[in-house]
């Protein structure tokens, strides 16, 4: 999946992705996340990649605020692996969001 070079803020916006067929939605407290076209949402695949925008809660925002990627691993195959790119260095249990996944944000 193409990602903005360097993973720095800017470039893409949720609106651009939505216009290209991505599914974008607000995650309370974590900003807008976008799933690629053709990927079921809520997810069912073992591993899912999302793009996220921490500085907006509006899935139709045209502000170029790409923040990074998030890797989701389905709970039944998650093995406690570390997430060295977020505080605490562990994946986050996403069951409180109604997802049977663990997530790790990458900037």
PDB file of N, CA and C in Angstrom:
ATOM      1  N   UNK A   1       0.853  -1.165   0.000  1.00  0.00           N
ATOM      2  CA  UNK A   1       0.000   0.000   0.000  1.00  0.00           C
ATOM      3  C   UNK A   1       0.899   1.229   0.000  1.00  0.00           C
ATOM      4  N   UNK A   2       0.660   2.183  -0.893  1.00  0.00           N
ATOM      5  CA  UNK A   2       1.485   3.383  -0.913  1.00  0.00           C
ATOM      6  C   UNK A   2       1.251   4.242   0.323  1.00  0.00           C
ATOM      7  N   UNK A   3       2.322   4.766   0.842  1.00  0.00           N
ATOM      8  CA  UNK A   3       2.271   5.645   2.005  1.00  0.00           C
ATOM      9  C   UNK A   3       3.153   6.843   1.709  1.00  0.00           C
ATOM     10  N   UNK A   4       2.777   8.003   2.189  1.00  0.00           N
ATOM     11  CA  UNK A   4       3.560   9.213   1.958  1.00  0.00           C
ATOM     12  C   UNK A   4       4.994   9.013   2.432  1.00  0.00           C
ATOM     13  N   UNK A   5       5.938   9.457   1.649  1.00  0.00           N
ATOM     14  CA  UNK A   5       7.349   9.303   1.970  1.00  0.00           C
ATOM     15  C   UNK A   5       7.670   9.887   3.336  1.00  0.00           C
ATOM     16  N   UNK A   6       8.429   9.134   4.106  1.00  0.00           N
ATOM     17  CA  UNK A   6       8.891   9.618   5.400  1.00  0.00           C
ATOM     18  C   UNK A   6       7.849   9.542   6.499  1.00  0.00           C
ATOM     19  N   UNK A   7       6.588   9.284   6.174  1.00  0.00           N
ATOM     20  CA  UNK A   7       5.546   9.184   7.174  1.00  0.00           C
ATOM     21  C   UNK A   7       5.303  10.478   7.924  1.00  0.00           C
ATOM     22  N   UNK A   8       5.732  11.600   7.359  1.00  0.00           N
ATOM     23  CA  UNK A   8       5.542  12.867   8.055  1.00  0.00           C
ATOM     24  C   UNK A   8       4.146  13.405   7.805  1.00  0.00           C
ATOM     25  N   UNK A   9       3.747  14.346   8.633  1.00  0.00           N
ATOM     26  CA  UNK A   9       2.423  14.936   8.530  1.00  0.00           C
ATOM     27  C   UNK A   9       2.281  15.711   7.217  1.00  0.00           C
ATOM     28  N   UNK A  10       1.116  15.633   6.622  1.00  0.00           N
ATOM     29  CA  UNK A  10       0.840  16.393   5.403  1.00  0.00           C
ATOM     30  C   UNK A  10       0.567  15.498   4.222  1.00  0.00           C
ATOM     31  N   UNK A  11       0.351  16.118   3.071  1.00  0.00           N
ATOM     32  CA  UNK A  11       0.148  15.372   1.834  1.00  0.00           C
ATOM     33  C   UNK A  11      -1.276  14.927   1.635  1.00  0.00           C
ATOM     34  N   UNK A  12      -1.635  13.790   2.156  1.00  0.00           N
ATOM     35  CA  UNK A  12      -2.960  13.213   1.980  1.00  0.00           C
ATOM     36  C   UNK A  12      -3.989  13.800   2.927  1.00  0.00           C
ATOM     37  N   UNK A  13      -5.254  13.732   2.510  1.00  0.00           N
ATOM     38  CA  UNK A  13      -6.357  14.127   3.385  1.00  0.00           C
ATOM     39  C   UNK A  13      -7.390  13.009   3.386  1.00  0.00           C
ATOM     40  N   UNK A  14      -8.230  12.928   4.422  1.00  0.00           N
ATOM     41  CA  UNK A  14      -9.302  11.936   4.429  1.00  0.00           C
ATOM     42  C   UNK A  14     -10.220  12.069   3.205  1.00  0.00           C
ATOM     43  N   UNK A  15     -10.489  13.307   2.785  1.00  0.00           N
ATOM     44  CA  UNK A  15     -11.362  13.522   1.628  1.00  0.00           C
ATOM     45  C   UNK A  15     -10.769  12.893   0.368  1.00  0.00           C
ATOM     46  N   UNK A  16      -9.456  13.092   0.147  1.00  0.00           N
ATOM     47  CA  UNK A  16      -8.807  12.496  -1.019  1.00  0.00           C
ATOM     48  C   UNK A  16      -8.983  10.979  -1.011  1.00  0.00           C
ATOM     49  N   UNK A  17      -8.767  10.377   0.142  1.00  0.00           N
ATOM     50  CA  UNK A  17      -8.895   8.919   0.235  1.00  0.00           C
ATOM     51  C   UNK A  17     -10.345   8.491   0.034  1.00  0.00           C
ATOM     52  N   UNK A  18     -11.284   9.201   0.666  1.00  0.00           N
ATOM     53  CA  UNK A  18     -12.700   8.885   0.497  1.00  0.00           C
ATOM     54  C   UNK A  18     -13.128   8.982  -0.959  1.00  0.00           C
ATOM     55  N   UNK A  19     -12.647  10.013  -1.647  1.00  0.00           N
ATOM     56  CA  UNK A  19     -12.973  10.183  -3.066  1.00  0.00           C
ATOM     57  C   UNK A  19     -12.400   9.052  -3.919  1.00  0.00           C
ATOM     58  N   UNK A  20     -11.338   8.419  -3.429  1.00  0.00           N
ATOM     59  CA  UNK A  20     -10.701   7.315  -4.155  1.00  0.00           C
ATOM     60  C   UNK A  20     -11.241   5.953  -3.721  1.00  0.00           C
ATOM     61  N   UNK A  21     -12.328   5.940  -2.926  1.00  0.00           N
ATOM     62  CA  UNK A  21     -12.962   4.678  -2.558  1.00  0.00           C
ATOM     63  C   UNK A  21     -12.570   4.097  -1.219  1.00  0.00           C
ATOM     64  N   UNK A  22     -11.760   4.814  -0.450  1.00  0.00           N
ATOM     65  CA  UNK A  22     -11.392   4.347   0.875  1.00  0.00           C
ATOM     66  C   UNK A  22     -12.560   4.578   1.834  1.00  0.00           C
ATOM     67  N   UNK A  23     -12.613   3.809   2.916  1.00  0.00           N
ATOM     68  CA  UNK A  23     -13.614   3.987   3.972  1.00  0.00           C
ATOM     69  C   UNK A  23     -12.940   4.730   5.118  1.00  0.00           C
ATOM     70  N   UNK A  24     -13.366   5.978   5.362  1.00  0.00           N
ATOM     71  CA  UNK A  24     -12.774   6.791   6.431  1.00  0.00           C
ATOM     72  C   UNK A  24     -13.800   7.008   7.537  1.00  0.00           C
ATOM     73  N   UNK A  25     -13.348   6.955   8.785  1.00  0.00           N
ATOM     74  CA  UNK A  25     -14.232   7.050   9.942  1.00  0.00           C
ATOM     75  C   UNK A  25     -13.444   7.630  11.108  1.00  0.00           C
ATOM     76  N   UNK A  26     -14.139   8.296  12.018  1.00  0.00           N
ATOM     77  CA  UNK A  26     -13.507   8.855  13.199  1.00  0.00           C
ATOM     78  C   UNK A  26     -13.415   7.794  14.289  1.00  0.00           C
ATOM     79  N   UNK A  27     -12.257   7.709  14.918  1.00  0.00           N
ATOM     80  CA  UNK A  27     -12.060   6.859  16.087  1.00  0.00           C
ATOM     81  C   UNK A  27     -11.933   7.822  17.267  1.00  0.00           C
ATOM     82  N   UNK A  28     -12.929   7.856  18.173  1.00  0.00           N
ATOM     83  CA  UNK A  28     -12.897   8.825  19.271  1.00  0.00           C
ATOM     84  C   UNK A  28     -11.555   8.841  20.010  1.00  0.00           C
ATOM     85  N   UNK A  29     -10.990  10.036  20.095  1.00  0.00           N
ATOM     86  CA  UNK A  29      -9.714  10.223  20.774  1.00  0.00           C
ATOM     87  C   UNK A  29      -8.492   9.928  19.925  1.00  0.00           C
ATOM     88  N   UNK A  30      -8.688   9.328  18.746  1.00  0.00           N
ATOM     89  CA  UNK A  30      -7.552   8.960  17.898  1.00  0.00           C
ATOM     90  C   UNK A  30      -7.636   9.524  16.491  1.00  0.00           C
ATOM     91  N   UNK A  31      -8.667  10.304  16.188  1.00  0.00           N
ATOM     92  CA  UNK A  31      -8.779  10.922  14.870  1.00  0.00           C
ATOM     93  C   UNK A  31      -9.334   9.991  13.811  1.00  0.00           C
ATOM     94  N   UNK A  32      -9.264  10.471  12.580  1.00  0.00           N
ATOM     95  CA  UNK A  32      -9.812   9.737  11.438  1.00  0.00           C
ATOM     96  C   UNK A  32      -8.848   8.634  11.008  1.00  0.00           C
ATOM     97  N   UNK A  33      -9.407   7.463  10.744  1.00  0.00           N
ATOM     98  CA  UNK A  33      -8.671   6.326  10.205  1.00  0.00           C
ATOM     99  C   UNK A  33      -9.340   5.937   8.893  1.00  0.00           C
ATOM    100  N   UNK A  34      -8.554   5.444   7.934  1.00  0.00           N
ATOM    101  CA  UNK A  34      -9.079   5.082   6.619  1.00  0.00           C
ATOM    102  C   UNK A  34      -8.618   3.684   6.216  1.00  0.00           C
ATOM    103  N   UNK A  35      -9.577   2.871   5.766  1.00  0.00           N
ATOM    104  CA  UNK A  35      -9.307   1.523   5.273  1.00  0.00           C
ATOM    105  C   UNK A  35      -9.327   1.548   3.748  1.00  0.00           C
ATOM    106  N   UNK A  36      -8.417   0.810   3.090  1.00  0.00           N
ATOM    107  CA  UNK A  36      -8.344   0.831   1.634  1.00  0.00           C
ATOM    108  C   UNK A  36      -9.584   0.256   0.952  1.00  0.00           C
ATOM    109  N   UNK A  37      -9.788   0.632  -0.313  1.00  0.00           N
ATOM    110  CA  UNK A  37     -10.913   0.098  -1.076  1.00  0.00           C
ATOM    111  C   UNK A  37     -10.863  -1.435  -1.102  1.00  0.00           C
ATOM    112  N   UNK A  38     -12.024  -2.045  -1.014  1.00  0.00           N
ATOM    113  CA  UNK A  38     -12.112  -3.499  -1.076  1.00  0.00           C
ATOM    114  C   UNK A  38     -11.848  -4.206   0.240  1.00  0.00           C
ATOM    115  N   UNK A  39     -11.435  -3.489   1.252  1.00  0.00           N
ATOM    116  CA  UNK A  39     -11.188  -4.091   2.564  1.00  0.00           C
ATOM    117  C   UNK A  39     -12.463  -3.992   3.385  1.00  0.00           C
ATOM    118  N   UNK A  40     -12.929  -5.101   3.880  1.00  0.00           N
ATOM    119  CA  UNK A  40     -14.161  -5.113   4.671  1.00  0.00           C
ATOM    120  C   UNK A  40     -13.997  -4.257   5.923  1.00  0.00           C
ATOM    121  N   UNK A  41     -15.063  -3.547   6.286  1.00  0.00           N
ATOM    122  CA  UNK A  41     -15.051  -2.811   7.552  1.00  0.00           C
ATOM    123  C   UNK A  41     -16.377  -2.992   8.243  1.00  0.00           C
ATOM    124  N   UNK A  42     -16.425  -3.501   9.465  1.00  0.00           N
ATOM    125  CA  UNK A  42     -15.260  -3.856  10.266  1.00  0.00           C
ATOM    126  C   UNK A  42     -14.465  -4.980   9.605  1.00  0.00           C
ATOM    127  N   UNK A  43     -13.174  -5.032   9.927  1.00  0.00           N
ATOM    128  CA  UNK A  43     -12.285  -5.966   9.245  1.00  0.00           C
ATOM    129  C   UNK A  43     -12.535  -7.421   9.620  1.00  0.00           C
ATOM    130  N   UNK A  44     -12.080  -8.296   8.740  1.00  0.00           N
ATOM    131  CA  UNK A  44     -12.143  -9.742   8.984  1.00  0.00           C
ATOM    132  C   UNK A  44     -10.798 -10.406   8.708  1.00  0.00           C
ATOM    133  N   UNK A  45      -9.927  -9.722   7.982  1.00  0.00           N
ATOM    134  CA  UNK A  45      -8.626 -10.278   7.608  1.00  0.00           C
ATOM    135  C   UNK A  45      -7.720 -10.444   8.837  1.00  0.00           C
ATOM    136  N   UNK A  46      -6.728 -11.345   8.765  1.00  0.00           N
ATOM    137  CA  UNK A  46      -5.812 -11.529   9.893  1.00  0.00           C
ATOM    138  C   UNK A  46      -5.014 -10.268  10.233  1.00  0.00           C
ATOM    139  N   UNK A  47      -4.533  -9.568   9.200  1.00  0.00           N
ATOM    140  CA  UNK A  47      -3.756  -8.342   9.409  1.00  0.00           C
ATOM    141  C   UNK A  47      -4.344  -7.270   8.490  1.00  0.00           C
ATOM    142  N   UNK A  48      -4.530  -6.077   9.044  1.00  0.00           N
ATOM    143  CA  UNK A  48      -5.144  -4.971   8.314  1.00  0.00           C
ATOM    144  C   UNK A  48      -4.246  -3.741   8.455  1.00  0.00           C
ATOM    145  N   UNK A  49      -4.103  -2.991   7.371  1.00  0.00           N
ATOM    146  CA  UNK A  49      -3.355  -1.733   7.412  1.00  0.00           C
ATOM    147  C   UNK A  49      -4.320  -0.575   7.199  1.00  0.00           C
ATOM    148  N   UNK A  50      -4.210   0.454   8.020  1.00  0.00           N
ATOM    149  CA  UNK A  50      -5.021   1.664   7.904  1.00  0.00           C
ATOM    150  C   UNK A  50      -4.096   2.868   7.794  1.00  0.00           C
ATOM    151  N   UNK A  51      -4.595   3.949   7.235  1.00  0.00           N
ATOM    152  CA  UNK A  51      -3.921   5.245   7.307  1.00  0.00           C
ATOM    153  C   UNK A  51      -4.673   6.063   8.341  1.00  0.00           C
ATOM    154  N   UNK A  52      -3.976   6.955   9.060  1.00  0.00           N
ATOM    155  CA  UNK A  52      -4.693   7.743  10.062  1.00  0.00           C
ATOM    156  C   UNK A  52      -4.277   9.204  10.042  1.00  0.00           C
ATOM    157  N   UNK A  53      -5.186  10.021  10.594  1.00  0.00           N
ATOM    158  CA  UNK A  53      -5.071  11.472  10.635  1.00  0.00           C
ATOM    159  C   UNK A  53      -5.435  11.901  12.055  1.00  0.00           C
ATOM    160  N   UNK A  54      -4.440  12.060  12.936  1.00  0.00           N
ATOM    161  CA  UNK A  54      -4.699  12.345  14.346  1.00  0.00           C
ATOM    162  C   UNK A  54      -5.340  13.704  14.593  1.00  0.00           C
ATOM    163  N   UNK A  55      -5.126  14.668  13.706  1.00  0.00           N
ATOM    164  CA  UNK A  55      -5.547  16.038  13.984  1.00  0.00           C
ATOM    165  C   UNK A  55      -6.906  16.411  13.429  1.00  0.00           C
ATOM    166  N   UNK A  56      -7.718  15.440  13.041  1.00  0.00           N
ATOM    167  CA  UNK A  56      -9.075  15.735  12.594  1.00  0.00           C
ATOM    168  C   UNK A  56     -10.028  14.627  13.045  1.00  0.00           C
ATOM    169  N   UNK A  57     -11.266  15.002  13.262  1.00  0.00           N
ATOM    170  CA  UNK A  57     -12.316  14.034  13.575  1.00  0.00           C
ATOM    171  C   UNK A  57     -13.329  13.971  12.439  1.00  0.00           C
ATOM    172  N   UNK A  58     -13.059  14.707  11.354  1.00  0.00           N
ATOM    173  CA  UNK A  58     -13.980  14.804  10.224  1.00  0.00           C
ATOM    174  C   UNK A  58     -13.514  13.915   9.075  1.00  0.00           C
ATOM    175  N   UNK A  59     -14.212  12.797   8.811  1.00  0.00           N
ATOM    176  CA  UNK A  59     -13.819  11.899   7.728  1.00  0.00           C
ATOM    177  C   UNK A  59     -13.858  12.537   6.339  1.00  0.00           C
ATOM    178  N   UNK A  60     -14.507  13.705   6.199  1.00  0.00           N
ATOM    179  CA  UNK A  60     -14.552  14.369   4.896  1.00  0.00           C
ATOM    180  C   UNK A  60     -13.617  15.585   4.838  1.00  0.00           C
ATOM    181  N   UNK A  61     -12.709  15.704   5.800  1.00  0.00           N
ATOM    182  CA  UNK A  61     -11.783  16.832   5.846  1.00  0.00           C
ATOM    183  C   UNK A  61     -10.863  16.830   4.622  1.00  0.00           C
ATOM    184  N   UNK A  62     -10.697  18.025   4.033  1.00  0.00           N
ATOM    185  CA  UNK A  62      -9.783  18.163   2.898  1.00  0.00           C
ATOM    186  C   UNK A  62      -8.416  18.710   3.332  1.00  0.00           C
ATOM    187  N   UNK A  63      -8.219  18.868   4.630  1.00  0.00           N
ATOM    188  CA  UNK A  63      -6.931  19.346   5.152  1.00  0.00           C
ATOM    189  C   UNK A  63      -5.904  18.228   5.019  1.00  0.00           C
ATOM    190  N   UNK A  64      -4.767  18.492   4.350  1.00  0.00           N
ATOM    191  CA  UNK A  64      -3.746  17.451   4.177  1.00  0.00           C
ATOM    192  C   UNK A  64      -2.999  17.205   5.485  1.00  0.00           C
ATOM    193  N   UNK A  65      -3.424  16.211   6.249  1.00  0.00           N
ATOM    194  CA  UNK A  65      -2.893  15.965   7.583  1.00  0.00           C
ATOM    195  C   UNK A  65      -2.567  14.489   7.798  1.00  0.00           C
ATOM    196  N   UNK A  66      -2.030  13.818   6.792  1.00  0.00           N
ATOM    197  CA  UNK A  66      -1.647  12.414   6.958  1.00  0.00           C
ATOM    198  C   UNK A  66      -0.659  12.306   8.111  1.00  0.00           C
ATOM    199  N   UNK A  67      -0.957  11.413   9.070  1.00  0.00           N
ATOM    200  CA  UNK A  67      -0.105  11.259  10.242  1.00  0.00           C
ATOM    201  C   UNK A  67       0.734   9.994  10.180  1.00  0.00           C
ATOM    202  N   UNK A  68       0.134   8.869   9.758  1.00  0.00           N
ATOM    203  CA  UNK A  68       0.880   7.618   9.723  1.00  0.00           C
ATOM    204  C   UNK A  68       0.004   6.439   9.364  1.00  0.00           C
ATOM    205  N   UNK A  69       0.507   5.251   9.676  1.00  0.00           N
ATOM    206  CA  UNK A  69      -0.218   4.014   9.400  1.00  0.00           C
ATOM    207  C   UNK A  69      -0.517   3.296  10.715  1.00  0.00           C
ATOM    208  N   UNK A  70      -1.484   2.422  10.656  1.00  0.00           N
ATOM    209  CA  UNK A  70      -1.778   1.567  11.812  1.00  0.00           C
ATOM    210  C   UNK A  70      -1.892   0.140  11.318  1.00  0.00           C
ATOM    211  N   UNK A  71      -1.239  -0.761  12.024  1.00  0.00           N
ATOM    212  CA  UNK A  71      -1.341  -2.181  11.742  1.00  0.00           C
ATOM    213  C   UNK A  71      -2.290  -2.793  12.762  1.00  0.00           C
ATOM    214  N   UNK A  72      -3.302  -3.508  12.279  1.00  0.00           N
ATOM    215  CA  UNK A  72      -4.221  -4.241  13.146  1.00  0.00           C
ATOM    216  C   UNK A  72      -3.947  -5.727  12.978  1.00  0.00           C
ATOM    217  N   UNK A  73      -3.857  -6.436  14.093  1.00  0.00           N
ATOM    218  CA  UNK A  73      -3.691  -7.891  14.077  1.00  0.00           C
ATOM    219  C   UNK A  73      -4.879  -8.501  14.805  1.00  0.00           C
ATOM    220  N   UNK A  74      -5.540  -9.437  14.125  1.00  0.00           N
ATOM    221  CA  UNK A  74      -6.723 -10.079  14.712  1.00  0.00           C
ATOM    222  C   UNK A  74      -6.342 -10.778  16.018  1.00  0.00           C
ATOM    223  N   UNK A  75      -7.205 -10.673  17.017  1.00  0.00           N
ATOM    224  CA  UNK A  75      -6.919 -11.169  18.367  1.00  0.00           C
ATOM    225  C   UNK A  75      -6.568 -12.656  18.403  1.00  0.00           C
ATOM    226  N   UNK A  76      -7.197 -13.456  17.534  1.00  0.00           N
ATOM    227  CA  UNK A  76      -6.939 -14.904  17.590  1.00  0.00           C
ATOM    228  C   UNK A  76      -5.542 -15.281  17.098  1.00  0.00           C
ATOM    229  N   UNK A  77      -4.841 -14.366  16.428  1.00  0.00           N
ATOM    230  CA  UNK A  77      -3.469 -14.664  15.999  1.00  0.00           C
ATOM    231  C   UNK A  77      -2.444 -13.728  16.653  1.00  0.00           C
ATOM    232  N   UNK A  78      -2.919 -12.758  17.443  1.00  0.00           N
ATOM    233  CA  UNK A  78      -2.002 -11.858  18.135  1.00  0.00           C
ATOM    234  C   UNK A  78      -1.225 -12.658  19.173  1.00  0.00           C
ATOM    235  N   UNK A  79       0.098 -12.418  19.217  1.00  0.00           N
ATOM    236  CA  UNK A  79       0.970 -13.203  20.084  1.00  0.00           C
ATOM    237  C   UNK A  79       1.735 -12.357  21.090  1.00  0.00           C
ATOM    238  N   UNK A  80       1.228 -11.159  21.403  1.00  0.00           N
ATOM    239  CA  UNK A  80       1.899 -10.301  22.366  1.00  0.00           C
ATOM    240  C   UNK A  80       3.133  -9.604  21.830  1.00  0.00           C
ATOM    241  N   UNK A  81       3.283  -9.574  20.491  1.00  0.00           N
ATOM    242  CA  UNK A  81       4.461  -8.933  19.911  1.00  0.00           C
ATOM    243  C   UNK A  81       4.499  -7.449  20.273  1.00  0.00           C
ATOM    244  N   UNK A  82       5.701  -6.877  20.351  1.00  0.00           N
ATOM    245  CA  UNK A  82       5.835  -5.473  20.725  1.00  0.00           C
ATOM    246  C   UNK A  82       5.468  -4.521  19.587  1.00  0.00           C
ATOM    247  N   UNK A  83       5.059  -3.334  19.956  1.00  0.00           N
ATOM    248  CA  UNK A  83       4.828  -2.235  19.019  1.00  0.00           C
ATOM    249  C   UNK A  83       5.802  -1.138  19.431  1.00  0.00           C
ATOM    250  N   UNK A  84       6.984  -1.128  18.858  1.00  0.00           N
ATOM    251  CA  UNK A  84       8.015  -0.191  19.307  1.00  0.00           C
ATOM    252  C   UNK A  84       7.767   1.263  18.929  1.00  0.00           C
ATOM    253  N   UNK A  85       6.688   1.533  18.201  1.00  0.00           N
ATOM    254  CA  UNK A  85       6.458   2.900  17.727  1.00  0.00           C
ATOM    255  C   UNK A  85       5.380   3.647  18.491  1.00  0.00           C
ATOM    256  N   UNK A  86       4.865   3.065  19.562  1.00  0.00           N
ATOM    257  CA  UNK A  86       3.908   3.811  20.376  1.00  0.00           C
ATOM    258  C   UNK A  86       4.209   3.606  21.849  1.00  0.00           C
ATOM    259  N   UNK A  87       3.789   4.550  22.689  1.00  0.00           N
ATOM    260  CA  UNK A  87       4.111   4.494  24.114  1.00  0.00           C
ATOM    261  C   UNK A  87       3.736   3.154  24.741  1.00  0.00           C
ATOM    262  N   UNK A  88       4.607   2.661  25.590  1.00  0.00           N
ATOM    263  CA  UNK A  88       4.379   1.393  26.248  1.00  0.00           C
ATOM    264  C   UNK A  88       4.896   0.220  25.444  1.00  0.00           C
ATOM    265  N   UNK A  89       5.241   0.458  24.178  1.00  0.00           N
ATOM    266  CA  UNK A  89       5.813  -0.537  23.284  1.00  0.00           C
ATOM    267  C   UNK A  89       4.984  -1.800  23.145  1.00  0.00           C
ATOM    268  N   UNK A  90       3.660  -1.704  23.313  1.00  0.00           N
ATOM    269  CA  UNK A  90       2.819  -2.874  23.100  1.00  0.00           C
ATOM    270  C   UNK A  90       1.637  -2.479  22.213  1.00  0.00           C
ATOM    271  N   UNK A  91       1.074  -3.455  21.560  1.00  0.00           N
ATOM    272  CA  UNK A  91      -0.131  -3.218  20.771  1.00  0.00           C
ATOM    273  C   UNK A  91      -1.269  -2.831  21.705  1.00  0.00           C
ATOM    274  N   UNK A  92      -2.246  -2.102  21.185  1.00  0.00           N
ATOM    275  CA  UNK A  92      -3.396  -1.668  21.957  1.00  0.00           C
ATOM    276  C   UNK A  92      -4.567  -2.594  21.685  1.00  0.00           C
ATOM    277  N   UNK A  93      -5.202  -3.080  22.742  1.00  0.00           N
ATOM    278  CA  UNK A  93      -6.393  -3.916  22.618  1.00  0.00           C
ATOM    279  C   UNK A  93      -7.540  -3.047  22.135  1.00  0.00           C
ATOM    280  N   UNK A  94      -8.110  -3.369  20.978  1.00  0.00           N
ATOM    281  CA  UNK A  94      -9.163  -2.561  20.377  1.00  0.00           C
ATOM    282  C   UNK A  94     -10.567  -3.102  20.648  1.00  0.00           C
ATOM    283  N   UNK A  95     -10.689  -4.041  21.578  1.00  0.00           N
ATOM    284  CA  UNK A  95     -12.008  -4.617  21.868  1.00  0.00           C
ATOM    285  C   UNK A  95     -12.976  -3.573  22.423  1.00  0.00           C
ATOM    286  N   UNK A  96     -12.457  -2.526  23.084  1.00  0.00           N
ATOM    287  CA  UNK A  96     -13.345  -1.483  23.610  1.00  0.00           C
ATOM    288  C   UNK A  96     -14.004  -0.692  22.473  1.00  0.00           C
ATOM    289  N   UNK A  97     -13.441  -0.782  21.251  1.00  0.00           N
ATOM    290  CA  UNK A  97     -14.019  -0.138  20.075  1.00  0.00           C
ATOM    291  C   UNK A  97     -14.905  -1.092  19.284  1.00  0.00           C
ATOM    292  N   UNK A  98     -15.114  -2.295  19.832  1.00  0.00           N
ATOM    293  CA  UNK A  98     -15.932  -3.286  19.151  1.00  0.00           C
ATOM    294  C   UNK A  98     -15.174  -4.075  18.098  1.00  0.00           C
ATOM    295  N   UNK A  99     -13.847  -4.024  18.143  1.00  0.00           N
ATOM    296  CA  UNK A  99     -13.021  -4.751  17.178  1.00  0.00           C
ATOM    297  C   UNK A  99     -12.271  -5.867  17.880  1.00  0.00           C
ATOM    298  N   UNK A 100     -12.191  -7.015  17.253  1.00  0.00           N
ATOM    299  CA  UNK A 100     -11.474  -8.152  17.799  1.00  0.00           C
ATOM    300  C   UNK A 100     -10.025  -8.126  17.286  1.00  0.00           C
ATOM    301  N   UNK A 101      -9.366  -6.979  17.487  1.00  0.00           N
ATOM    302  CA  UNK A 101      -8.022  -6.734  16.967  1.00  0.00           C
ATOM    303  C   UNK A 101      -7.159  -6.023  17.996  1.00  0.00           C
ATOM    304  N   UNK A 102      -5.861  -6.093  17.753  1.00  0.00           N
ATOM    305  CA  UNK A 102      -4.868  -5.323  18.482  1.00  0.00           C
ATOM    306  C   UNK A 102      -4.230  -4.381  17.480  1.00  0.00           C
ATOM    307  N   UNK A 103      -3.942  -3.108  17.857  1.00  0.00           N
ATOM    308  CA  UNK A 103      -3.431  -2.130  16.909  1.00  0.00           C
ATOM    309  C   UNK A 103      -2.121  -1.494  17.333  1.00  0.00           C
ATOM    310  N   UNK A 104      -1.341  -1.101  16.335  1.00  0.00           N
ATOM    311  CA  UNK A 104      -0.053  -0.430  16.545  1.00  0.00           C
ATOM    312  C   UNK A 104       0.056   0.714  15.541  1.00  0.00           C
ATOM    313  N   UNK A 105       0.204   1.954  16.048  1.00  0.00           N
ATOM    314  CA  UNK A 105       0.361   3.135  15.189  1.00  0.00           C
ATOM    315  C   UNK A 105       1.828   3.344  14.836  1.00  0.00           C
ATOM    316  N   UNK A 106       2.066   3.727  13.590  1.00  0.00           N
ATOM    317  CA  UNK A 106       3.415   4.019  13.089  1.00  0.00           C
ATOM    318  C   UNK A 106       3.382   5.417  12.484  1.00  0.00           C
ATOM    319  N   UNK A 107       4.273   6.276  12.890  1.00  0.00           N
ATOM    320  CA  UNK A 107       4.349   7.636  12.310  1.00  0.00           C
ATOM    321  C   UNK A 107       5.379   7.674  11.235  1.00  0.00           C
TER     322      UNK A 107
END
